[in-house]
Amino acid sequence: MDKKEINKDFIFDRIVEVEQRLSQIKQLKNTKLEDFLKDDIRRDALKYRLLSLIEGLVSLCNHIISRTEVSPPSTYADCFRKLSGLGISSDTLVEKIVKMIQFRNILAHQYWVIDDEKIYEIAQIDHSFVNEFLKDIKQLLVK
């Protein structure tokens, strides 16, 4: 897999950022839907945290793929699928992240059509698959 060496400090920093975003999302989601919908600041903060979480994952993926002999990905989703193809993470995990990527595209480019109840629902899901993905990435640091 070594085209160029993976920058372990870069990977570690992105992992820390993603873990921080997960923690922040956990704090922000602990409210009732009615209260969430009334709180502009909480809604905006949650959107930003979700977006930056996904951006951190994308940054990890792009860095790793750029260090391989694999052709450059054409989309963010393609980047994660290439990780799966390299055996770095499972297809199941990658497809969950791909769903997040699709949400990221709406959040970043069509934020005015985002239903705040949908944001709340997304925040409420179990994000443990992100931790599983990070565990897969951490395995690269010990190789």
C-alpha atoms as a PDB file:
ATOM      1  CA  MET A   1       0.000   0.000   0.000  1.00  0.00           C
ATOM      2  CA  ASP A   2       2.972   2.335   0.364  1.00  0.00           C
ATOM      3  CA  LYS A   3       3.025   4.885  -2.435  1.00  0.00           C
ATOM      4  CA  LYS A   4       3.960   7.555   0.108  1.00  0.00           C
ATOM      5  CA  GLU A   5       4.115   7.095   3.820  1.00  0.00           C
ATOM      6  CA  ILE A   6       0.967   7.874   5.751  1.00  0.00           C
ATOM      7  CA  ASN A   7       1.416  10.943   7.924  1.00  0.00           C
ATOM      8  CA  LYS A   8       0.558   9.458  11.310  1.00  0.00           C
ATOM      9  CA  ASP A   9       0.387  12.860  13.012  1.00  0.00           C
ATOM     10  CA  PHE A  10      -2.134  14.043  10.430  1.00  0.00           C
ATOM     11  CA  ILE A  11      -4.217  10.876  10.901  1.00  0.00           C
ATOM     12  CA  PHE A  12      -4.042  11.151  14.677  1.00  0.00           C
ATOM     13  CA  ASP A  13      -5.121  14.816  14.588  1.00  0.00           C
ATOM     14  CA  ARG A  14      -8.123  14.034  12.359  1.00  0.00           C
ATOM     15  CA  ILE A  15      -9.122  11.114  14.597  1.00  0.00           C
ATOM     16  CA  VAL A  16      -9.032  13.396  17.645  1.00  0.00           C
ATOM     17  CA  GLU A  17     -11.163  15.971  15.810  1.00  0.00           C
ATOM     18  CA  VAL A  18     -13.743  13.373  14.778  1.00  0.00           C
ATOM     19  CA  GLU A  19     -13.894  11.993  18.320  1.00  0.00           C
ATOM     20  CA  GLN A  20     -14.403  15.519  19.662  1.00  0.00           C
ATOM     21  CA  ARG A  21     -17.233  16.112  17.188  1.00  0.00           C
ATOM     22  CA  LEU A  22     -18.892  12.862  18.248  1.00  0.00           C
ATOM     23  CA  SER A  23     -18.718  13.977  21.867  1.00  0.00           C
ATOM     24  CA  GLN A  24     -20.128  17.403  21.011  1.00  0.00           C
ATOM     25  CA  ILE A  25     -22.954  15.874  18.989  1.00  0.00           C
ATOM     26  CA  LYS A  26     -23.777  13.629  21.921  1.00  0.00           C
ATOM     27  CA  GLN A  27     -24.062  16.690  24.178  1.00  0.00           C
ATOM     28  CA  LEU A  28     -26.149  18.658  21.682  1.00  0.00           C
ATOM     29  CA  LYS A  29     -28.610  15.878  20.963  1.00  0.00           C
ATOM     30  CA  ASN A  30     -29.644  15.513  24.605  1.00  0.00           C
ATOM     31  CA  THR A  31     -32.746  17.628  24.328  1.00  0.00           C
ATOM     32  CA  LYS A  32     -36.387  17.116  23.446  1.00  0.00           C
ATOM     33  CA  LEU A  33     -37.382  17.672  19.829  1.00  0.00           C
ATOM     34  CA  GLU A  34     -39.671  20.568  20.732  1.00  0.00           C
ATOM     35  CA  ASP A  35     -36.874  22.351  22.584  1.00  0.00           C
ATOM     36  CA  PHE A  36     -34.410  21.627  19.791  1.00  0.00           C
ATOM     37  CA  LEU A  37     -36.711  23.141  17.169  1.00  0.00           C
ATOM     38  CA  LYS A  38     -37.065  26.333  19.225  1.00  0.00           C
ATOM     39  CA  ASP A  39     -33.307  26.768  19.773  1.00  0.00           C
ATOM     40  CA  ASP A  40     -31.611  28.323  16.714  1.00  0.00           C
ATOM     41  CA  ILE A  41     -28.184  28.194  18.304  1.00  0.00           C
ATOM     42  CA  ARG A  42     -28.429  24.505  19.210  1.00  0.00           C
ATOM     43  CA  ARG A  43     -29.735  23.663  15.723  1.00  0.00           C
ATOM     44  CA  ASP A  44     -26.936  25.574  14.008  1.00  0.00           C
ATOM     45  CA  ALA A  45     -24.307  24.123  16.333  1.00  0.00           C
ATOM     46  CA  LEU A  46     -25.513  20.600  15.648  1.00  0.00           C
ATOM     47  CA  LYS A  47     -25.467  21.164  11.883  1.00  0.00           C
ATOM     48  CA  TYR A  48     -21.922  22.500  12.096  1.00  0.00           C
ATOM     49  CA  ARG A  49     -20.741  19.622  14.286  1.00  0.00           C
ATOM     50  CA  LEU A  50     -22.261  17.066  11.930  1.00  0.00           C
ATOM     51  CA  LEU A  51     -20.682  18.769   8.937  1.00  0.00           C
ATOM     52  CA  SER A  52     -17.252  19.001  10.562  1.00  0.00           C
ATOM     53  CA  LEU A  53     -17.481  15.357  11.704  1.00  0.00           C
ATOM     54  CA  ILE A  54     -18.087  14.255   8.136  1.00  0.00           C
ATOM     55  CA  GLU A  55     -15.377  16.568   6.793  1.00  0.00           C
ATOM     56  CA  GLY A  56     -12.930  15.002   9.244  1.00  0.00           C
ATOM     57  CA  LEU A  57     -13.802  11.528   7.975  1.00  0.00           C
ATOM     58  CA  VAL A  58     -13.382  12.685   4.379  1.00  0.00           C
ATOM     59  CA  SER A  59     -10.005  14.206   5.216  1.00  0.00           C
ATOM     60  CA  LEU A  60      -8.863  10.899   6.734  1.00  0.00           C
ATOM     61  CA  CYS A  61     -10.012   8.973   3.707  1.00  0.00           C
ATOM     62  CA  ASN A  62      -8.462  11.315   1.158  1.00  0.00           C
ATOM     63  CA  HIS A  63      -5.128  11.289   2.956  1.00  0.00           C
ATOM     64  CA  ILE A  64      -4.982   7.496   3.104  1.00  0.00           C
ATOM     65  CA  ILE A  65      -6.073   6.961  -0.491  1.00  0.00           C
ATOM     66  CA  SER A  66      -3.564   9.548  -1.716  1.00  0.00           C
ATOM     67  CA  ARG A  67      -0.841   7.392  -0.153  1.00  0.00           C
ATOM     68  CA  THR A  68      -1.788   4.270  -2.109  1.00  0.00           C
ATOM     69  CA  GLU A  69      -1.413   3.062  -5.667  1.00  0.00           C
ATOM     70  CA  VAL A  70      -5.187   3.228  -6.073  1.00  0.00           C
ATOM     71  CA  SER A  71      -6.501   5.709  -8.620  1.00  0.00           C
ATOM     72  CA  PRO A  72      -7.823   8.952  -7.143  1.00  0.00           C
ATOM     73  CA  PRO A  73     -11.477   8.811  -6.102  1.00  0.00           C
ATOM     74  CA  SER A  74     -14.039  10.644  -8.210  1.00  0.00           C
ATOM     75  CA  THR A  75     -16.316  11.406  -5.246  1.00  0.00           C
ATOM     76  CA  TYR A  76     -16.162  11.336  -1.468  1.00  0.00           C
ATOM     77  CA  ALA A  77     -18.268   8.178  -1.483  1.00  0.00           C
ATOM     78  CA  ASP A  78     -15.839   6.613  -3.954  1.00  0.00           C
ATOM     79  CA  CYS A  79     -12.978   7.410  -1.584  1.00  0.00           C
ATOM     80  CA  PHE A  80     -14.537   5.345   1.188  1.00  0.00           C
ATOM     81  CA  ARG A  81     -15.402   2.516  -1.178  1.00  0.00           C
ATOM     82  CA  LYS A  82     -11.745   2.411  -2.216  1.00  0.00           C
ATOM     83  CA  LEU A  83     -10.795   2.029   1.468  1.00  0.00           C
ATOM     84  CA  SER A  84     -13.114  -0.937   1.614  1.00  0.00           C
ATOM     85  CA  GLY A  85     -11.566  -2.337  -1.563  1.00  0.00           C
ATOM     86  CA  LEU A  86      -8.145  -2.121   0.089  1.00  0.00           C
ATOM     87  CA  GLY A  87      -9.448  -4.080   3.080  1.00  0.00           C
ATOM     88  CA  ILE A  88      -8.988  -1.153   5.445  1.00  0.00           C
ATOM     89  CA  SER A  89     -12.646  -1.070   6.464  1.00  0.00           C
ATOM     90  CA  SER A  90     -15.689  -3.240   5.838  1.00  0.00           C
ATOM     91  CA  ASP A  91     -18.286  -2.682   3.120  1.00  0.00           C
ATOM     92  CA  THR A  92     -20.997  -2.427   5.775  1.00  0.00           C
ATOM     93  CA  LEU A  93     -19.193   0.301   7.685  1.00  0.00           C
ATOM     94  CA  VAL A  94     -18.291   2.175   4.540  1.00  0.00           C
ATOM     95  CA  GLU A  95     -21.880   2.213   3.294  1.00  0.00           C
ATOM     96  CA  LYS A  96     -23.011   3.768   6.579  1.00  0.00           C
ATOM     97  CA  ILE A  97     -20.417   6.484   6.111  1.00  0.00           C
ATOM     98  CA  VAL A  98     -21.488   6.954   2.490  1.00  0.00           C
ATOM     99  CA  LYS A  99     -24.987   7.770   3.779  1.00  0.00           C
ATOM    100  CA  MET A 100     -23.418  10.420   5.983  1.00  0.00           C
ATOM    101  CA  ILE A 101     -21.545  11.783   2.958  1.00  0.00           C
ATOM    102  CA  GLN A 102     -24.828  12.142   1.076  1.00  0.00           C
ATOM    103  CA  PHE A 103     -26.223  14.058   4.024  1.00  0.00           C
ATOM    104  CA  ARG A 104     -23.077  16.213   4.077  1.00  0.00           C
ATOM    105  CA  ASN A 105     -23.655  17.226   0.474  1.00  0.00           C
ATOM    106  CA  ILE A 106     -27.132  18.487   1.308  1.00  0.00           C
ATOM    107  CA  LEU A 107     -25.916  20.183   4.472  1.00  0.00           C
ATOM    108  CA  ALA A 108     -23.058  21.931   2.679  1.00  0.00           C
ATOM    109  CA  HIS A 109     -24.746  22.803  -0.590  1.00  0.00           C
ATOM    110  CA  GLN A 110     -28.498  22.882   0.036  1.00  0.00           C
ATOM    111  CA  TYR A 111     -28.679  23.869   3.677  1.00  0.00           C
ATOM    112  CA  TRP A 112     -31.832  25.910   3.111  1.00  0.00           C
ATOM    113  CA  VAL A 113     -33.816  22.745   2.328  1.00  0.00           C
ATOM    114  CA  ILE A 114     -32.731  20.868   5.442  1.00  0.00           C
ATOM    115  CA  ASP A 115     -35.590  19.862   7.657  1.00  0.00           C
ATOM    116  CA  ASP A 116     -34.550  20.538  11.255  1.00  0.00           C
ATOM    117  CA  GLU A 117     -36.470  17.473  12.412  1.00  0.00           C
ATOM    118  CA  LYS A 118     -34.269  15.410  10.066  1.00  0.00           C
ATOM    119  CA  ILE A 119     -31.158  16.944  11.657  1.00  0.00           C
ATOM    120  CA  TYR A 120     -32.529  15.938  15.048  1.00  0.00           C
ATOM    121  CA  GLU A 121     -33.213  12.376  13.816  1.00  0.00           C
ATOM    122  CA  ILE A 122     -29.705  12.051  12.381  1.00  0.00           C
ATOM    123  CA  ALA A 123     -28.202  13.250  15.641  1.00  0.00           C
ATOM    124  CA  GLN A 124     -30.208  10.656  17.548  1.00  0.00           C
ATOM    125  CA  ILE A 125     -28.879   7.660  15.609  1.00  0.00           C
ATOM    126  CA  ASP A 126     -26.205   5.460  17.076  1.00  0.00           C
ATOM    127  CA  HIS A 127     -22.913   6.774  15.708  1.00  0.00           C
ATOM    128  CA  SER A 128     -20.868   3.870  17.056  1.00  0.00           C
ATOM    129  CA  PHE A 129     -20.092   2.884  13.459  1.00  0.00           C
ATOM    130  CA  VAL A 130     -17.922   6.015  13.273  1.00  0.00           C
ATOM    131  CA  ASN A 131     -15.901   4.738  16.224  1.00  0.00           C
ATOM    132  CA  GLU A 132     -15.614   1.358  14.490  1.00  0.00           C
ATOM    133  CA  PHE A 133     -14.316   3.105  11.386  1.00  0.00           C
ATOM    134  CA  LEU A 134     -11.811   5.081  13.458  1.00  0.00           C
ATOM    135  CA  LYS A 135     -10.635   1.828  15.019  1.00  0.00           C
ATOM    136  CA  ASP A 136      -9.977   0.490  11.503  1.00  0.00           C
ATOM    137  CA  ILE A 137      -7.988   3.623  10.686  1.00  0.00           C
ATOM    138  CA  LYS A 138      -6.016   3.395  13.950  1.00  0.00           C
ATOM    139  CA  GLN A 139      -4.860  -0.060  12.833  1.00  0.00           C
ATOM    140  CA  LEU A 140      -2.916   1.689  10.066  1.00  0.00           C
ATOM    141  CA  LEU A 141      -0.963   3.602  12.680  1.00  0.00           C
ATOM    142  CA  VAL A 142       0.415   0.439  14.253  1.00  0.00           C
ATOM    143  CA  LYS A 143       1.518  -1.183  11.005  1.00  0.00           C
END
